[in-house]
C-alpha atoms as a PDB file:
ATOM      1  CA  MET A   1     148.359  28.088 103.439  1.00  0.00           C
ATOM      2  CA  THR A   2     147.879  31.032 105.761  1.00  0.00           C
ATOM      3  CA  PRO A   3     146.541  30.654 109.329  1.00  0.00           C
ATOM      4  CA  ASP A   4     143.318  32.371 108.241  1.00  0.00           C
ATOM      5  CA  GLN A   5     142.893  29.930 105.367  1.00  0.00           C
ATOM      6  CA  LYS A   6     143.420  26.986 107.704  1.00  0.00           C
ATOM      7  CA  ILE A   7     140.688  28.316 109.991  1.00  0.00           C
ATOM      8  CA  ARG A   8     138.306  28.624 107.037  1.00  0.00           C
ATOM      9  CA  VAL A   9     139.088  25.049 105.955  1.00  0.00           C
ATOM     10  CA  GLU A  10     138.205  23.825 109.438  1.00  0.00           C
ATOM     11  CA  GLN A  11     135.009  25.873 109.518  1.00  0.00           C
ATOM     12  CA  ALA A  12     133.918  24.529 106.115  1.00  0.00           C
ATOM     13  CA  ALA A  13     134.774  20.941 107.086  1.00  0.00           C
ATOM     14  CA  GLY A  14     133.425  21.082 110.626  1.00  0.00           C
ATOM     15  CA  SER A  15     136.572  19.387 111.918  1.00  0.00           C
ATOM     16  CA  ARG A  16     140.111  20.371 112.920  1.00  0.00           C
ATOM     17  CA  VAL A  17     142.980  19.968 110.445  1.00  0.00           C
ATOM     18  CA  VAL A  18     145.593  17.661 111.995  1.00  0.00           C
ATOM     19  CA  HIS A  19     147.975  17.315 109.054  1.00  0.00           C
ATOM     20  CA  LEU A  20     148.733  19.019 105.748  1.00  0.00           C
ATOM     21  CA  SER A  21     150.738  17.492 102.896  1.00  0.00           C
ATOM     22  CA  PRO A  22     151.343  18.561  99.271  1.00  0.00           C
ATOM     23  CA  LEU A  23     149.388  17.071  96.383  1.00  0.00           C
ATOM     24  CA  THR A  24     150.584  16.969  92.788  1.00  0.00           C
ATOM     25  CA  GLY A  25     148.787  18.730  89.964  1.00  0.00           C
ATOM     26  CA  GLY A  26     147.492  22.157  89.186  1.00  0.00           C
ATOM     27  CA  CYS A  27     149.437  25.202  88.049  1.00  0.00           C
ATOM     28  CA  LEU A  28     147.429  27.646  90.113  1.00  0.00           C
ATOM     29  CA  ALA A  29     147.747  28.036  93.899  1.00  0.00           C
ATOM     30  CA  GLU A  30     149.115  25.596  96.483  1.00  0.00           C
ATOM     31  CA  VAL A  31     147.429  22.167  96.325  1.00  0.00           C
ATOM     32  CA  LEU A  32     147.254  20.301  99.638  1.00  0.00           C
ATOM     33  CA  ARG A  33     145.791  17.237 101.294  1.00  0.00           C
ATOM     34  CA  ALA A  34     144.163  18.175 104.600  1.00  0.00           C
ATOM     35  CA  ASP A  35     143.704  15.283 107.029  1.00  0.00           C
ATOM     36  CA  LEU A  36     140.983  16.026 109.553  1.00  0.00           C
ATOM     37  CA  GLU A  37     140.518  15.061 113.175  1.00  0.00           C
ATOM     38  CA  ASP A  38     137.331  13.145 112.303  1.00  0.00           C
ATOM     39  CA  GLY A  39     139.259  10.862 109.903  1.00  0.00           C
ATOM     40  CA  ARG A  40     138.253  12.461 106.616  1.00  0.00           C
ATOM     41  CA  SER A  41     140.695  13.935 104.101  1.00  0.00           C
ATOM     42  CA  LEU A  42     140.046  16.911 101.828  1.00  0.00           C
ATOM     43  CA  ALA A  43     141.763  18.452  98.812  1.00  0.00           C
ATOM     44  CA  VAL A  44     142.545  22.133  99.282  1.00  0.00           C
ATOM     45  CA  LYS A  45     143.744  24.816  96.904  1.00  0.00           C
ATOM     46  CA  ALA A  46     145.120  27.828  98.738  1.00  0.00           C
ATOM     47  CA  GLY A  47     146.253  30.925  96.880  1.00  0.00           C
ATOM     48  CA  LYS A  48     145.617  34.653  96.555  1.00  0.00           C
ATOM     49  CA  LYS A  49     142.321  36.427  95.896  1.00  0.00           C
ATOM     50  CA  ALA A  50     143.581  37.230  92.393  1.00  0.00           C
ATOM     51  CA  ASP A  51     143.665  33.483  91.646  1.00  0.00           C
ATOM     52  CA  ARG A  52     139.844  33.478  91.551  1.00  0.00           C
ATOM     53  CA  LEU A  53     139.515  29.923  92.788  1.00  0.00           C
ATOM     54  CA  ASP A  54     135.806  30.604  93.237  1.00  0.00           C
ATOM     55  CA  ILE A  55     135.451  30.331  89.445  1.00  0.00           C
ATOM     56  CA  GLU A  56     136.781  26.776  89.622  1.00  0.00           C
ATOM     57  CA  GLY A  57     134.320  25.966  92.387  1.00  0.00           C
ATOM     58  CA  ARG A  58     131.383  27.236  90.351  1.00  0.00           C
ATOM     59  CA  SER A  59     132.682  25.366  87.303  1.00  0.00           C
ATOM     60  CA  LEU A  60     132.746  22.092  89.239  1.00  0.00           C
ATOM     61  CA  HIS A  61     129.197  22.773  90.400  1.00  0.00           C
ATOM     62  CA  ALA A  62     128.064  23.362  86.801  1.00  0.00           C
ATOM     63  CA  LEU A  63     129.637  20.090  85.633  1.00  0.00           C
ATOM     64  CA  GLY A  64     128.402  18.115  88.618  1.00  0.00           C
ATOM     65  CA  GLU A  65     124.983  19.221  89.824  1.00  0.00           C
ATOM     66  CA  GLY A  66     124.216  20.987  86.558  1.00  0.00           C
ATOM     67  CA  ALA A  67     125.312  18.299  84.091  1.00  0.00           C
ATOM     68  CA  GLY A  68     125.755  15.087  86.071  1.00  0.00           C
ATOM     69  CA  LEU A  69     129.502  14.625  85.546  1.00  0.00           C
ATOM     70  CA  PRO A  70     131.328  13.071  88.534  1.00  0.00           C
ATOM     71  CA  VAL A  71     133.326  15.821  90.250  1.00  0.00           C
ATOM     72  CA  PRO A  72     134.559  16.335  93.814  1.00  0.00           C
ATOM     73  CA  GLN A  73     132.071  17.839  96.253  1.00  0.00           C
ATOM     74  CA  VAL A  74     132.925  21.480  96.957  1.00  0.00           C
ATOM     75  CA  TYR A  75     132.791  22.588 100.597  1.00  0.00           C
ATOM     76  CA  LEU A  76     134.096  26.130 100.116  1.00  0.00           C
ATOM     77  CA  ASN A  77     134.905  28.211  97.053  1.00  0.00           C
ATOM     78  CA  ASP A  78     136.378  31.593  97.909  1.00  0.00           C
ATOM     79  CA  PRO A  79     138.600  33.570  95.517  1.00  0.00           C
ATOM     80  CA  ASP A  80     141.695  32.518  97.496  1.00  0.00           C
ATOM     81  CA  LEU A  81     140.574  29.119  98.832  1.00  0.00           C
ATOM     82  CA  LEU A  82     138.885  26.052  97.356  1.00  0.00           C
ATOM     83  CA  VAL A  83     138.016  23.111  99.617  1.00  0.00           C
ATOM     84  CA  MET A  84     136.888  19.844  98.019  1.00  0.00           C
ATOM     85  CA  ALA A  85     136.421  16.166  98.762  1.00  0.00           C
ATOM     86  CA  LEU A  86     139.580  14.150  98.142  1.00  0.00           C
ATOM     87  CA  LEU A  87     138.768  11.485  95.555  1.00  0.00           C
ATOM     88  CA  PRO A  88     140.708   8.229  95.153  1.00  0.00           C
ATOM     89  CA  ASN A  89     142.980   8.020  92.120  1.00  0.00           C
ATOM     90  CA  ASP A  90     145.201   5.191  90.939  1.00  0.00           C
ATOM     91  CA  GLY A  91     146.213   7.062  87.779  1.00  0.00           C
ATOM     92  CA  ARG A  92     145.390   4.139  85.462  1.00  0.00           C
ATOM     93  CA  LEU A  93     143.346   5.134  82.420  1.00  0.00           C
ATOM     94  CA  ASP A  94     143.028   1.571  81.161  1.00  0.00           C
ATOM     95  CA  ALA A  95     140.578   0.397  78.484  1.00  0.00           C
ATOM     96  CA  VAL A  96     137.712  -0.029  80.952  1.00  0.00           C
ATOM     97  CA  ALA A  97     138.272   3.430  82.415  1.00  0.00           C
ATOM     98  CA  GLN A  98     138.427   4.956  78.934  1.00  0.00           C
ATOM     99  CA  GLU A  99     135.087   3.405  78.025  1.00  0.00           C
ATOM    100  CA  ASN A 100     133.619   4.696  81.289  1.00  0.00           C
ATOM    101  CA  ALA A 101     134.988   8.171  80.522  1.00  0.00           C
ATOM    102  CA  ALA A 102     133.518   8.030  77.007  1.00  0.00           C
ATOM    103  CA  ARG A 103     130.023   7.357  78.329  1.00  0.00           C
ATOM    104  CA  LEU A 104     130.272  10.226  80.797  1.00  0.00           C
ATOM    105  CA  ILE A 105     131.691  12.745  78.332  1.00  0.00           C
ATOM    106  CA  ALA A 106     129.231  11.733  75.594  1.00  0.00           C
ATOM    107  CA  ALA A 107     126.354  12.298  78.038  1.00  0.00           C
ATOM    108  CA  LEU A 108     127.767  15.722  78.940  1.00  0.00           C
ATOM    109  CA  HIS A 109     128.123  16.700  75.287  1.00  0.00           C
ATOM    110  CA  SER A 110     124.620  15.467  74.439  1.00  0.00           C
ATOM    111  CA  MET A 111     122.926  18.162  76.540  1.00  0.00           C
ATOM    112  CA  PRO A 112     122.210  21.095  74.149  1.00  0.00           C
ATOM    113  CA  GLN A 113     123.012  24.557  75.509  1.00  0.00           C
ATOM    114  CA  GLU A 114     121.552  27.887  74.405  1.00  0.00           C
ATOM    115  CA  PHE A 115     124.683  29.765  73.320  1.00  0.00           C
ATOM    116  CA  TYR A 116     128.454  29.612  72.903  1.00  0.00           C
ATOM    117  CA  GLY A 117     130.472  31.088  75.750  1.00  0.00           C
ATOM    118  CA  PHE A 118     129.389  31.014  79.372  1.00  0.00           C
ATOM    119  CA  THR A 119     127.719  33.033  82.097  1.00  0.00           C
ATOM    120  CA  GLU A 120     131.119  34.405  83.172  1.00  0.00           C
ATOM    121  CA  ASP A 121     134.719  34.435  81.989  1.00  0.00           C
ATOM    122  CA  THR A 122     136.484  31.304  83.223  1.00  0.00           C
ATOM    123  CA  ARG A 123     140.128  30.261  83.606  1.00  0.00           C
ATOM    124  CA  ILE A 124     142.419  27.811  81.894  1.00  0.00           C
ATOM    125  CA  GLY A 125     145.287  27.506  84.352  1.00  0.00           C
ATOM    126  CA  PRO A 126     146.123  31.083  85.397  1.00  0.00           C
ATOM    127  CA  LEU A 127     144.872  32.585  82.115  1.00  0.00           C
ATOM    128  CA  THR A 128     141.459  34.127  81.532  1.00  0.00           C
ATOM    129  CA  GLN A 129     139.058  32.592  79.007  1.00  0.00           C
ATOM    130  CA  PRO A 130     136.717  35.261  77.617  1.00  0.00           C
ATOM    131  CA  ASN A 131     133.186  33.907  77.271  1.00  0.00           C
ATOM    132  CA  THR A 132     131.051  36.641  75.731  1.00  0.00           C
ATOM    133  CA  ARG A 133     127.856  34.960  74.560  1.00  0.00           C
ATOM    134  CA  SER A 134     127.563  34.145  70.875  1.00  0.00           C
ATOM    135  CA  LYS A 135     125.093  32.326  68.648  1.00  0.00           C
ATOM    136  CA  GLN A 136     127.836  31.383  66.172  1.00  0.00           C
ATOM    137  CA  TRP A 137     130.613  28.929  66.977  1.00  0.00           C
ATOM    138  CA  VAL A 138     133.072  29.764  64.191  1.00  0.00           C
ATOM    139  CA  SER A 139     133.289  33.456  65.118  1.00  0.00           C
ATOM    140  CA  PHE A 140     133.419  32.616  68.835  1.00  0.00           C
ATOM    141  CA  PHE A 141     136.292  30.176  68.340  1.00  0.00           C
ATOM    142  CA  ARG A 142     138.122  32.601  66.050  1.00  0.00           C
ATOM    143  CA  ASP A 143     137.808  35.713  68.209  1.00  0.00           C
ATOM    144  CA  GLN A 144     137.558  34.445  71.793  1.00  0.00           C
ATOM    145  CA  ARG A 145     139.845  31.452  71.562  1.00  0.00           C
ATOM    146  CA  LEU A 146     142.403  31.529  68.718  1.00  0.00           C
ATOM    147  CA  LEU A 147     143.041  35.268  68.300  1.00  0.00           C
ATOM    148  CA  SER A 148     142.476  36.141  71.943  1.00  0.00           C
ATOM    149  CA  MET A 149     144.936  33.529  73.255  1.00  0.00           C
ATOM    150  CA  GLY A 150     147.281  34.212  70.342  1.00  0.00           C
ATOM    151  CA  ARG A 151     147.543  37.828  71.482  1.00  0.00           C
ATOM    152  CA  VAL A 152     148.205  36.703  75.051  1.00  0.00           C
ATOM    153  CA  ALA A 153     150.986  34.387  73.849  1.00  0.00           C
ATOM    154  CA  LEU A 154     152.424  37.189  71.677  1.00  0.00           C
ATOM    155  CA  GLU A 155     152.385  39.695  74.553  1.00  0.00           C
ATOM    156  CA  ARG A 156     153.999  37.195  76.937  1.00  0.00           C
ATOM    157  CA  GLY A 157     156.773  36.386  74.452  1.00  0.00           C
ATOM    158  CA  GLY A 158     155.668  32.817  73.796  1.00  0.00           C
ATOM    159  CA  LEU A 159     154.706  33.471  70.175  1.00  0.00           C
ATOM    160  CA  SER A 160     156.571  35.461  67.538  1.00  0.00           C
ATOM    161  CA  ALA A 161     154.945  38.194  65.456  1.00  0.00           C
ATOM    162  CA  PRO A 162     155.324  36.187  62.200  1.00  0.00           C
ATOM    163  CA  VAL A 163     153.579  33.157  63.723  1.00  0.00           C
ATOM    164  CA  TYR A 164     150.799  35.376  65.061  1.00  0.00           C
ATOM    165  CA  SER A 165     150.384  36.823  61.551  1.00  0.00           C
ATOM    166  CA  ASP A 166     150.087  33.274  60.198  1.00  0.00           C
ATOM    167  CA  LEU A 167     147.460  32.601  62.859  1.00  0.00           C
ATOM    168  CA  GLU A 168     145.480  35.647  61.705  1.00  0.00           C
ATOM    169  CA  ARG A 169     145.720  34.437  58.118  1.00  0.00           C
ATOM    170  CA  MET A 170     144.399  31.022  59.098  1.00  0.00           C
ATOM    171  CA  ALA A 171     141.655  32.567  61.243  1.00  0.00           C
ATOM    172  CA  ALA A 172     140.387  34.491  58.219  1.00  0.00           C
ATOM    173  CA  ARG A 173     139.773  31.140  56.498  1.00  0.00           C
ATOM    174  CA  LEU A 174     138.361  29.357  59.534  1.00  0.00           C
ATOM    175  CA  ASP A 175     134.885  28.812  58.090  1.00  0.00           C
ATOM    176  CA  SER A 176     136.446  26.578  55.418  1.00  0.00           C
ATOM    177  CA  LEU A 177     138.100  24.405  58.085  1.00  0.00           C
ATOM    178  CA  ILE A 178     135.378  23.915  60.714  1.00  0.00           C
ATOM    179  CA  ASP A 179     131.588  23.895  60.666  1.00  0.00           C
ATOM    180  CA  GLU A 180     128.840  25.144  62.924  1.00  0.00           C
ATOM    181  CA  PRO A 181     127.896  22.299  65.317  1.00  0.00           C
ATOM    182  CA  ALA A 182     124.297  21.161  65.678  1.00  0.00           C
ATOM    183  CA  TYR A 183     124.247  22.839  69.116  1.00  0.00           C
ATOM    184  CA  PRO A 184     126.595  24.154  71.810  1.00  0.00           C
ATOM    185  CA  SER A 185     127.773  21.629  74.415  1.00  0.00           C
ATOM    186  CA  LEU A 186     129.058  22.240  77.914  1.00  0.00           C
ATOM    187  CA  LEU A 187     132.771  21.409  77.848  1.00  0.00           C
ATOM    188  CA  HIS A 188     135.225  20.384  80.547  1.00  0.00           C
ATOM    189  CA  GLY A 189     137.768  22.430  78.619  1.00  0.00           C
ATOM    190  CA  ASP A 190     141.003  20.902  79.961  1.00  0.00           C
ATOM    191  CA  LEU A 191     140.542  17.217  79.286  1.00  0.00           C
ATOM    192  CA  TRP A 192     143.867  15.488  79.824  1.00  0.00           C
ATOM    193  CA  ALA A 193     144.960  12.579  82.014  1.00  0.00           C
ATOM    194  CA  GLY A 194     145.997  14.696  84.999  1.00  0.00           C
ATOM    195  CA  ASN A 195     142.429  15.962  85.328  1.00  0.00           C
ATOM    196  CA  VAL A 196     140.775  12.526  85.190  1.00  0.00           C
ATOM    197  CA  LEU A 197     140.746  10.585  88.468  1.00  0.00           C
ATOM    198  CA  THR A 198     140.363   6.798  88.241  1.00  0.00           C
ATOM    199  CA  SER A 199     140.159   3.787  90.511  1.00  0.00           C
ATOM    200  CA  ASP A 200     139.925   0.133  89.405  1.00  0.00           C
ATOM    201  CA  GLY A 201     138.730   1.013  85.900  1.00  0.00           C
ATOM    202  CA  ARG A 202     136.125   3.503  87.061  1.00  0.00           C
ATOM    203  CA  ILE A 203     136.149   7.270  86.658  1.00  0.00           C
ATOM    204  CA  MET A 204     136.015   8.780  90.136  1.00  0.00           C
ATOM    205  CA  GLY A 205     135.912  12.406  89.043  1.00  0.00           C
ATOM    206  CA  PHE A 206     136.988  15.146  86.678  1.00  0.00           C
ATOM    207  CA  ILE A 207     138.918  18.063  88.164  1.00  0.00           C
ATOM    208  CA  ASP A 208     140.510  21.404  87.173  1.00  0.00           C
ATOM    209  CA  PRO A 209     137.901  22.337  84.554  1.00  0.00           C
ATOM    210  CA  ALA A 210     138.153  25.280  82.165  1.00  0.00           C
ATOM    211  CA  ILE A 211     134.488  25.198  81.232  1.00  0.00           C
ATOM    212  CA  TYR A 212     132.483  26.997  78.604  1.00  0.00           C
ATOM    213  CA  GLN A 213     129.889  26.082  75.989  1.00  0.00           C
ATOM    214  CA  GLY A 214     131.355  25.218  72.599  1.00  0.00           C
ATOM    215  CA  ASP A 215     131.825  22.517  69.983  1.00  0.00           C
ATOM    216  CA  ALA A 216     132.061  19.111  71.696  1.00  0.00           C
ATOM    217  CA  GLU A 217     135.021  18.326  69.447  1.00  0.00           C
ATOM    218  CA  MET A 218     137.124  20.779  71.463  1.00  0.00           C
ATOM    219  CA  ASP A 219     137.135  18.334  74.394  1.00  0.00           C
ATOM    220  CA  LEU A 220     137.760  15.414  72.053  1.00  0.00           C
ATOM    221  CA  ALA A 221     140.699  17.157  70.401  1.00  0.00           C
ATOM    222  CA  PHE A 222     142.270  18.145  73.735  1.00  0.00           C
ATOM    223  CA  SER A 223     141.996  14.524  74.895  1.00  0.00           C
ATOM    224  CA  THR A 224     144.314  13.458  72.054  1.00  0.00           C
ATOM    225  CA  LEU A 225     146.920  16.190  72.517  1.00  0.00           C
ATOM    226  CA  PHE A 226     148.875  14.435  75.260  1.00  0.00           C
ATOM    227  CA  GLY A 227     147.662  10.902  74.551  1.00  0.00           C
ATOM    228  CA  THR A 228     144.965  10.836  77.240  1.00  0.00           C
ATOM    229  CA  PHE A 229     142.324   8.866  75.330  1.00  0.00           C
ATOM    230  CA  GLY A 230     142.677   6.409  72.456  1.00  0.00           C
ATOM    231  CA  ASN A 231     140.609   4.105  70.280  1.00  0.00           C
ATOM    232  CA  ARG A 232     138.651   2.504  73.127  1.00  0.00           C
ATOM    233  CA  PHE A 233     137.428   5.921  74.235  1.00  0.00           C
ATOM    234  CA  PHE A 234     136.502   7.071  70.738  1.00  0.00           C
ATOM    235  CA  ASP A 235     134.780   3.795  69.801  1.00  0.00           C
ATOM    236  CA  ALA A 236     132.617   3.981  72.940  1.00  0.00           C
ATOM    237  CA  TYR A 237     131.940   7.721  72.488  1.00  0.00           C
ATOM    238  CA  ARG A 238     130.910   7.311  68.831  1.00  0.00           C
ATOM    239  CA  ALA A 239     128.537   4.471  69.726  1.00  0.00           C
ATOM    240  CA  ILE A 240     126.600   6.971  71.848  1.00  0.00           C
ATOM    241  CA  ARG A 241     127.225  10.207  69.960  1.00  0.00           C
ATOM    242  CA  PRO A 242     128.250   9.614  66.325  1.00  0.00           C
ATOM    243  CA  PHE A 243     130.226  12.300  64.502  1.00  0.00           C
ATOM    244  CA  ASP A 244     132.459  12.715  61.433  1.00  0.00           C
ATOM    245  CA  TYR A 245     135.465  10.980  62.956  1.00  0.00           C
ATOM    246  CA  ALA A 246     137.549  10.881  59.758  1.00  0.00           C
ATOM    247  CA  GLY A 247     137.193  14.613  59.138  1.00  0.00           C
ATOM    248  CA  PHE A 248     137.894  15.307  62.798  1.00  0.00           C
ATOM    249  CA  MET A 249     141.105  13.303  62.817  1.00  0.00           C
ATOM    250  CA  ASP A 250     142.249  14.688  59.468  1.00  0.00           C
ATOM    251  CA  VAL A 251     141.734  18.437  60.018  1.00  0.00           C
ATOM    252  CA  ARG A 252     139.505  19.620  62.846  1.00  0.00           C
ATOM    253  CA  ARG A 253     141.465  17.953  65.640  1.00  0.00           C
ATOM    254  CA  ASP A 254     144.589  19.953  64.758  1.00  0.00           C
ATOM    255  CA  VAL A 255     142.640  23.184  64.274  1.00  0.00           C
ATOM    256  CA  TYR A 256     141.007  22.807  67.681  1.00  0.00           C
ATOM    257  CA  ASN A 257     144.259  21.834  69.371  1.00  0.00           C
ATOM    258  CA  LEU A 258     145.717  25.166  68.318  1.00  0.00           C
ATOM    259  CA  TYR A 259     143.912  26.645  71.314  1.00  0.00           C
ATOM    260  CA  PRO A 260     145.541  24.536  74.069  1.00  0.00           C
ATOM    261  CA  LEU A 261     148.865  24.842  72.233  1.00  0.00           C
ATOM    262  CA  LEU A 262     148.513  28.637  72.315  1.00  0.00           C
ATOM    263  CA  VAL A 263     147.747  28.391  76.044  1.00  0.00           C
ATOM    264  CA  HIS A 264     150.935  26.380  76.552  1.00  0.00           C
ATOM    265  CA  ALA A 265     152.903  28.799  74.360  1.00  0.00           C
ATOM    266  CA  ALA A 266     151.664  31.675  76.517  1.00  0.00           C
ATOM    267  CA  LEU A 267     152.611  29.878  79.731  1.00  0.00           C
ATOM    268  CA  PHE A 268     155.775  28.030  78.748  1.00  0.00           C
ATOM    269  CA  GLY A 269     156.957  29.234  75.317  1.00  0.00           C
ATOM    270  CA  GLY A 270     159.492  26.840  73.849  1.00  0.00           C
ATOM    271  CA  GLY A 271     158.390  24.238  71.356  1.00  0.00           C
ATOM    272  CA  TYR A 272     154.676  24.935  71.686  1.00  0.00           C
ATOM    273  CA  ALA A 273     154.953  27.875  69.294  1.00  0.00           C
ATOM    274  CA  ASN A 274     156.643  25.551  66.798  1.00  0.00           C
ATOM    275  CA  SER A 275     153.697  23.162  67.094  1.00  0.00           C
ATOM    276  CA  VAL A 276     151.311  26.039  66.388  1.00  0.00           C
ATOM    277  CA  SER A 277     153.298  26.976  63.300  1.00  0.00           C
ATOM    278  CA  ARG A 278     153.402  23.378  62.015  1.00  0.00           C
ATOM    279  CA  ILE A 279     149.628  22.996  62.286  1.00  0.00           C
ATOM    280  CA  ILE A 280     148.979  26.273  60.481  1.00  0.00           C
ATOM    281  CA  ARG A 281     151.300  25.263  57.656  1.00  0.00           C
ATOM    282  CA  ARG A 282     149.635  21.870  57.371  1.00  0.00           C
ATOM    283  CA  VAL A 283     146.027  23.078  57.264  1.00  0.00           C
ATOM    284  CA  VAL A 284     146.383  26.250  55.173  1.00  0.00           C
ATOM    285  CA  GLY A 285     149.851  26.040  53.592  1.00  0.00           C
END
């Protein structure tokens, strides 16, 4: 954190910073705990203007005040500095917490939106998510998620040309694999355990969103990728918002998880490209 950034934290908080310590999480900017003279503690992301942390601040506002999801209060959201309330987190996504999360996410997904995309391009980690408005989900997912991120992964060396060609081949058949949802839903977009804060079986907040408006099953698929949510979550979610669970688990979950796998291939390479290839072979041969 630069001296100027520290001054802006203090101005936003209305109290002097007496101690800074690192926090875990996030792959964008420096993440810090700022202890204040008045006894409060804040979470701070400090980076460069190019990090566009203001997008994250607006995304939290959209999920919180716009959609009622618990998120940290934002005190300042500049391109290079994001200042938020520090929420408690014990890191235990037990059965009670999963059911709590299911009710919150089902409520978020049950609010129909007008179009697919968003009012601005957002970020997933350090990568840009294009969000040009669309009335059709299948074409949006094909062009602005699968092929767009596939090209990024190819250009960054995380995906080979043959695998990208297989991705194009699968994308051409996408309308036989997924359907148009009843309506667009506002999505968290990066729904894994590290972005879900819990305390004593209660969800305290969702952080690090990569929001846009899409098929609700995108969030559901992402939540299974790294084992974040299990049967207790899905049973509680389906009680509020029923959907074709068998078809989702059989095909659509893997198709939708191609997107976060392409993001990870772009960022980290390695085995993520192999996972992309395995899914393509399974769903289209």
